[in-house]
N, C-alpha and C. Protein backbone atom coordinates (compact mmCIF):
# COMPACT_ATOMS: atom_id res chain seq x y z
N UNK A 1 0.84 -1.17 0.00
CA UNK A 1 0.00 0.00 0.00
C UNK A 1 0.89 1.24 0.00
N UNK A 2 0.66 2.12 -0.95
CA UNK A 2 1.49 3.32 -1.03
C UNK A 2 0.94 4.42 -0.13
N UNK A 3 1.85 5.24 0.32
CA UNK A 3 1.49 6.36 1.18
C UNK A 3 0.90 7.49 0.34
N UNK A 4 -0.07 8.19 0.89
CA UNK A 4 -0.66 9.33 0.19
C UNK A 4 0.38 10.44 0.04
N UNK A 5 0.39 11.12 -1.10
CA UNK A 5 1.33 12.24 -1.26
C UNK A 5 1.00 13.35 -0.26
N UNK A 6 2.04 14.01 0.20
CA UNK A 6 1.87 15.01 1.25
C UNK A 6 2.00 16.42 0.68
N UNK A 7 1.11 17.29 1.16
CA UNK A 7 1.14 18.70 0.82
C UNK A 7 1.28 19.49 2.11
N UNK A 8 2.21 20.42 2.10
CA UNK A 8 2.42 21.29 3.24
C UNK A 8 1.98 22.70 2.86
N UNK A 9 1.10 23.28 3.66
CA UNK A 9 0.74 24.68 3.54
C UNK A 9 1.48 25.43 4.65
N UNK A 10 2.15 26.51 4.28
CA UNK A 10 2.82 27.35 5.27
C UNK A 10 2.09 28.69 5.27
N UNK A 11 1.45 29.00 6.39
CA UNK A 11 0.62 30.19 6.47
C UNK A 11 1.20 31.26 7.37
N UNK A 12 0.96 32.50 6.97
CA UNK A 12 1.31 33.61 7.84
C UNK A 12 0.40 33.62 9.07
N UNK A 13 -0.88 33.31 8.83
CA UNK A 13 -1.88 33.18 9.89
C UNK A 13 -2.69 31.91 9.61
N UNK A 14 -3.40 31.44 10.62
CA UNK A 14 -4.31 30.32 10.43
C UNK A 14 -5.50 30.81 9.60
N UNK A 15 -5.98 30.01 8.66
CA UNK A 15 -7.08 30.48 7.80
C UNK A 15 -8.33 30.85 8.59
N UNK A 16 -8.90 31.99 8.23
CA UNK A 16 -10.15 32.46 8.84
C UNK A 16 -11.15 32.73 7.71
N UNK A 17 -11.80 31.68 7.21
CA UNK A 17 -12.67 31.84 6.04
C UNK A 17 -13.90 32.70 6.27
N UNK A 18 -14.32 32.89 7.50
CA UNK A 18 -15.48 33.73 7.78
C UNK A 18 -15.09 35.18 8.06
N UNK A 19 -13.78 35.45 8.06
CA UNK A 19 -13.30 36.81 8.35
C UNK A 19 -12.70 37.49 7.13
N UNK A 20 -12.05 36.71 6.26
CA UNK A 20 -11.33 37.31 5.14
C UNK A 20 -11.50 36.50 3.86
N UNK A 21 -11.39 37.19 2.74
CA UNK A 21 -11.40 36.50 1.45
C UNK A 21 -10.14 35.64 1.31
N UNK A 22 -9.03 36.11 1.86
CA UNK A 22 -7.80 35.32 1.82
C UNK A 22 -7.99 33.99 2.54
N UNK A 23 -8.69 34.02 3.67
CA UNK A 23 -8.96 32.80 4.41
C UNK A 23 -9.85 31.84 3.63
N UNK A 24 -10.83 32.38 2.94
CA UNK A 24 -11.69 31.54 2.08
C UNK A 24 -10.88 30.92 0.96
N UNK A 25 -10.01 31.73 0.36
CA UNK A 25 -9.21 31.28 -0.77
C UNK A 25 -8.29 30.12 -0.39
N UNK A 26 -7.51 30.30 0.68
CA UNK A 26 -6.57 29.25 1.06
C UNK A 26 -7.30 28.00 1.52
N UNK A 27 -8.44 28.17 2.18
CA UNK A 27 -9.23 27.01 2.60
C UNK A 27 -9.74 26.24 1.39
N UNK A 28 -10.09 26.93 0.32
CA UNK A 28 -10.55 26.23 -0.88
C UNK A 28 -9.44 25.39 -1.49
N UNK A 29 -8.20 25.90 -1.44
CA UNK A 29 -7.06 25.11 -1.93
C UNK A 29 -6.82 23.89 -1.04
N UNK A 30 -6.92 24.09 0.26
CA UNK A 30 -6.74 22.97 1.20
C UNK A 30 -7.77 21.89 0.92
N UNK A 31 -9.03 22.29 0.78
CA UNK A 31 -10.10 21.32 0.53
C UNK A 31 -9.90 20.60 -0.81
N UNK A 32 -9.41 21.30 -1.80
CA UNK A 32 -9.13 20.68 -3.10
C UNK A 32 -8.12 19.55 -2.97
N UNK A 33 -7.03 19.82 -2.25
CA UNK A 33 -6.01 18.78 -2.06
C UNK A 33 -6.57 17.61 -1.24
N UNK A 34 -7.34 17.89 -0.20
CA UNK A 34 -7.94 16.83 0.60
C UNK A 34 -8.85 15.96 -0.27
N UNK A 35 -9.69 16.61 -1.08
CA UNK A 35 -10.62 15.88 -1.96
C UNK A 35 -9.90 15.01 -2.98
N UNK A 36 -8.70 15.39 -3.35
CA UNK A 36 -7.94 14.61 -4.32
C UNK A 36 -6.99 13.61 -3.66
N UNK A 37 -7.17 13.37 -2.37
CA UNK A 37 -6.47 12.29 -1.70
C UNK A 37 -5.11 12.62 -1.13
N UNK A 38 -4.76 13.88 -1.05
CA UNK A 38 -3.48 14.26 -0.47
C UNK A 38 -3.57 14.28 1.05
N UNK A 39 -2.44 14.02 1.68
CA UNK A 39 -2.29 14.14 3.13
C UNK A 39 -1.82 15.57 3.38
N UNK A 40 -2.69 16.41 3.93
CA UNK A 40 -2.45 17.85 4.03
C UNK A 40 -2.06 18.25 5.46
N UNK A 41 -1.02 19.07 5.54
CA UNK A 41 -0.59 19.66 6.81
C UNK A 41 -0.56 21.17 6.64
N UNK A 42 -1.09 21.88 7.62
CA UNK A 42 -1.01 23.34 7.63
C UNK A 42 -0.10 23.73 8.79
N UNK A 43 0.95 24.50 8.48
CA UNK A 43 1.91 24.94 9.48
C UNK A 43 1.87 26.46 9.59
N UNK A 44 1.96 26.97 10.83
CA UNK A 44 1.84 28.40 11.04
C UNK A 44 2.54 28.79 12.34
N UNK A 45 3.18 29.97 12.32
CA UNK A 45 3.85 30.48 13.52
C UNK A 45 2.94 31.38 14.35
N UNK A 46 1.82 31.81 13.79
CA UNK A 46 0.90 32.70 14.50
C UNK A 46 0.03 31.92 15.50
N UNK A 47 -0.52 32.64 16.43
CA UNK A 47 -1.48 32.03 17.35
C UNK A 47 -2.82 31.88 16.64
N UNK A 48 -3.58 30.87 17.02
CA UNK A 48 -4.93 30.70 16.48
C UNK A 48 -5.85 31.72 17.12
N UNK A 49 -6.94 31.98 16.41
CA UNK A 49 -7.96 32.88 16.95
C UNK A 49 -9.27 32.11 17.01
N UNK A 50 -10.28 32.66 17.64
CA UNK A 50 -11.59 32.00 17.66
C UNK A 50 -12.19 31.86 16.26
N UNK A 51 -11.67 32.63 15.31
CA UNK A 51 -12.19 32.59 13.94
C UNK A 51 -11.43 31.63 13.02
N UNK A 52 -10.40 30.97 13.55
CA UNK A 52 -9.61 30.04 12.74
C UNK A 52 -10.46 28.87 12.28
N UNK A 53 -10.24 28.44 11.04
CA UNK A 53 -10.98 27.31 10.48
C UNK A 53 -10.66 26.04 11.26
N UNK A 54 -11.66 25.17 11.41
CA UNK A 54 -11.44 23.90 12.13
C UNK A 54 -10.76 22.88 11.20
N UNK A 55 -9.47 23.07 10.98
CA UNK A 55 -8.74 22.24 10.02
C UNK A 55 -8.74 20.76 10.39
N UNK A 56 -8.61 20.47 11.68
CA UNK A 56 -8.59 19.06 12.10
C UNK A 56 -9.86 18.33 11.67
N UNK A 57 -11.00 19.01 11.73
CA UNK A 57 -12.26 18.37 11.34
C UNK A 57 -12.32 18.11 9.84
N UNK A 58 -11.45 18.76 9.07
CA UNK A 58 -11.37 18.51 7.62
C UNK A 58 -10.35 17.43 7.28
N UNK A 59 -9.72 16.89 8.31
CA UNK A 59 -8.71 15.86 8.08
C UNK A 59 -7.33 16.44 7.81
N UNK A 60 -7.12 17.69 8.18
CA UNK A 60 -5.86 18.38 7.95
C UNK A 60 -5.04 18.37 9.24
N UNK A 61 -3.77 18.03 9.12
CA UNK A 61 -2.87 18.07 10.27
C UNK A 61 -2.48 19.52 10.53
N UNK A 62 -2.32 19.88 11.77
CA UNK A 62 -1.89 21.22 12.15
C UNK A 62 -0.53 21.16 12.81
N UNK A 63 0.33 22.12 12.48
CA UNK A 63 1.66 22.15 13.07
C UNK A 63 2.01 23.59 13.43
N UNK A 64 2.22 23.84 14.72
CA UNK A 64 2.71 25.14 15.17
C UNK A 64 4.22 25.16 14.92
N UNK A 65 4.69 26.22 14.25
CA UNK A 65 6.11 26.33 13.93
C UNK A 65 6.65 27.63 14.50
N UNK A 66 7.97 27.72 14.54
CA UNK A 66 8.65 28.91 15.05
C UNK A 66 9.32 29.65 13.90
N UNK A 67 9.38 30.96 14.01
CA UNK A 67 10.11 31.76 13.04
C UNK A 67 11.61 31.59 13.25
N UNK A 68 12.34 31.52 12.14
CA UNK A 68 13.80 31.47 12.19
C UNK A 68 14.33 30.39 13.13
N UNK A 69 13.75 29.21 13.04
CA UNK A 69 14.14 28.12 13.93
C UNK A 69 14.44 26.87 13.11
N UNK A 70 15.55 26.24 13.39
CA UNK A 70 15.95 25.05 12.63
C UNK A 70 15.04 23.85 12.86
N UNK A 71 14.18 23.90 13.87
CA UNK A 71 13.23 22.80 14.07
C UNK A 71 12.31 22.66 12.86
N UNK A 72 12.06 23.75 12.14
CA UNK A 72 11.25 23.70 10.92
C UNK A 72 11.94 22.83 9.87
N UNK A 73 13.26 22.92 9.79
CA UNK A 73 14.01 22.12 8.81
C UNK A 73 13.79 20.63 9.04
N UNK A 74 13.92 20.21 10.29
CA UNK A 74 13.72 18.79 10.62
C UNK A 74 12.29 18.36 10.35
N UNK A 75 11.33 19.22 10.70
CA UNK A 75 9.91 18.93 10.45
C UNK A 75 9.66 18.70 8.96
N UNK A 76 10.15 19.60 8.11
CA UNK A 76 9.93 19.48 6.66
C UNK A 76 10.66 18.27 6.10
N UNK A 77 11.86 18.03 6.57
CA UNK A 77 12.62 16.86 6.10
C UNK A 77 11.89 15.57 6.42
N UNK A 78 11.34 15.45 7.61
CA UNK A 78 10.59 14.26 8.01
C UNK A 78 9.26 14.15 7.27
N UNK A 79 8.60 15.27 7.05
CA UNK A 79 7.31 15.27 6.35
C UNK A 79 7.50 14.91 4.87
N UNK A 80 8.55 15.42 4.25
CA UNK A 80 8.86 15.18 2.85
C UNK A 80 7.68 15.47 1.92
N UNK A 81 7.17 16.71 1.94
CA UNK A 81 6.02 17.03 1.09
C UNK A 81 6.39 17.01 -0.39
N UNK A 82 5.45 16.58 -1.22
CA UNK A 82 5.67 16.65 -2.67
C UNK A 82 5.35 18.04 -3.18
N UNK A 83 4.50 18.76 -2.43
CA UNK A 83 4.12 20.13 -2.76
C UNK A 83 4.12 20.95 -1.48
N UNK A 84 4.64 22.16 -1.57
CA UNK A 84 4.55 23.11 -0.46
C UNK A 84 3.90 24.38 -0.99
N UNK A 85 2.83 24.82 -0.33
CA UNK A 85 2.09 26.02 -0.72
C UNK A 85 2.30 27.08 0.34
N UNK A 86 2.77 28.25 -0.10
CA UNK A 86 2.95 29.39 0.79
C UNK A 86 1.77 30.33 0.57
N UNK A 87 1.11 30.75 1.65
CA UNK A 87 -0.11 31.54 1.49
C UNK A 87 0.14 33.00 1.16
N UNK A 88 1.35 33.46 1.35
CA UNK A 88 1.70 34.85 1.06
C UNK A 88 3.18 34.93 0.73
N UNK A 89 3.55 36.04 0.10
CA UNK A 89 4.96 36.24 -0.23
C UNK A 89 5.83 36.17 1.03
N UNK A 90 5.38 36.79 2.10
CA UNK A 90 6.17 36.82 3.33
C UNK A 90 6.40 35.42 3.89
N UNK A 91 5.44 34.52 3.72
CA UNK A 91 5.61 33.14 4.18
C UNK A 91 6.70 32.44 3.37
N UNK A 92 6.68 32.68 2.07
CA UNK A 92 7.70 32.06 1.21
C UNK A 92 9.07 32.64 1.53
N UNK A 93 9.12 33.94 1.75
CA UNK A 93 10.38 34.59 2.06
C UNK A 93 10.98 34.04 3.36
N UNK A 94 10.13 33.78 4.35
CA UNK A 94 10.60 33.30 5.64
C UNK A 94 10.98 31.82 5.63
N UNK A 95 10.24 31.01 4.86
CA UNK A 95 10.41 29.56 4.94
C UNK A 95 10.81 28.88 3.63
N UNK A 96 10.71 29.58 2.50
CA UNK A 96 10.99 28.95 1.21
C UNK A 96 12.38 28.36 1.10
N UNK A 97 13.37 29.10 1.55
CA UNK A 97 14.74 28.61 1.47
C UNK A 97 14.95 27.38 2.36
N UNK A 98 14.23 27.34 3.46
CA UNK A 98 14.33 26.17 4.34
C UNK A 98 13.70 24.93 3.69
N UNK A 99 12.56 25.13 3.01
CA UNK A 99 11.92 24.02 2.29
C UNK A 99 12.85 23.54 1.18
N UNK A 100 13.46 24.46 0.44
CA UNK A 100 14.37 24.07 -0.64
C UNK A 100 15.53 23.23 -0.13
N UNK A 101 16.03 23.56 1.04
CA UNK A 101 17.15 22.81 1.61
C UNK A 101 16.72 21.49 2.23
N UNK A 102 15.59 21.48 2.94
CA UNK A 102 15.18 20.29 3.69
C UNK A 102 14.36 19.31 2.85
N UNK A 103 13.68 19.80 1.82
CA UNK A 103 12.85 18.95 0.96
C UNK A 103 13.00 19.42 -0.49
N UNK A 104 14.18 19.22 -1.09
CA UNK A 104 14.42 19.75 -2.43
C UNK A 104 13.50 19.17 -3.50
N UNK A 105 12.88 18.05 -3.22
CA UNK A 105 11.95 17.43 -4.16
C UNK A 105 10.59 18.11 -4.19
N UNK A 106 10.31 18.95 -3.22
CA UNK A 106 8.99 19.57 -3.07
C UNK A 106 8.79 20.70 -4.08
N UNK A 107 7.68 20.63 -4.82
CA UNK A 107 7.31 21.73 -5.69
C UNK A 107 6.79 22.86 -4.81
N UNK A 108 7.32 24.07 -5.00
CA UNK A 108 6.90 25.21 -4.20
C UNK A 108 5.91 26.05 -4.99
N UNK A 109 4.79 26.37 -4.35
CA UNK A 109 3.75 27.20 -4.96
C UNK A 109 3.53 28.41 -4.07
N UNK A 110 3.56 29.58 -4.68
CA UNK A 110 3.30 30.81 -3.95
C UNK A 110 1.91 31.30 -4.32
N UNK A 111 1.02 31.32 -3.35
CA UNK A 111 -0.33 31.86 -3.54
C UNK A 111 -0.24 33.36 -3.29
N UNK A 112 -0.51 34.13 -4.30
CA UNK A 112 -0.38 35.59 -4.21
C UNK A 112 -1.69 36.25 -3.82
N UNK A 113 -2.40 35.68 -2.85
CA UNK A 113 -3.71 36.20 -2.50
C UNK A 113 -3.66 37.63 -1.95
N UNK A 114 -2.55 38.04 -1.42
CA UNK A 114 -2.45 39.40 -0.90
C UNK A 114 -1.57 40.29 -1.76
N UNK A 115 -1.38 39.93 -3.02
CA UNK A 115 -0.59 40.73 -3.92
C UNK A 115 -1.52 41.71 -4.63
N UNK A 116 -1.33 42.97 -4.39
CA UNK A 116 -2.20 44.00 -4.95
C UNK A 116 -1.36 45.01 -5.73
N UNK A 117 -1.84 45.39 -6.89
CA UNK A 117 -1.15 46.38 -7.72
C UNK A 117 -2.00 47.62 -7.82
């Protein structure tokens, strides 16, 4: 039996789909991966709020991470995601290089939901 492919979402904040369009957007991507059989983990350094989406009830793993901490490297290396999705440019800037080093096989996707011109 083969293991389900893993997707890692790295968020600046925990998704709040009832508070922001950005929260709705990232949650729709999470649900898409879950529906297609991926093993999804959402990692975030921010504290949860009462408005945070109930990711566990969707079958999504949650991981509290630290900024600028090598424990993230070990976490990503052990997880070995095939895809890593960053919810904002700042998330990719903070963690992208660590993903490249710890899981070089992972396709990195930058969701530009907060990119405004």
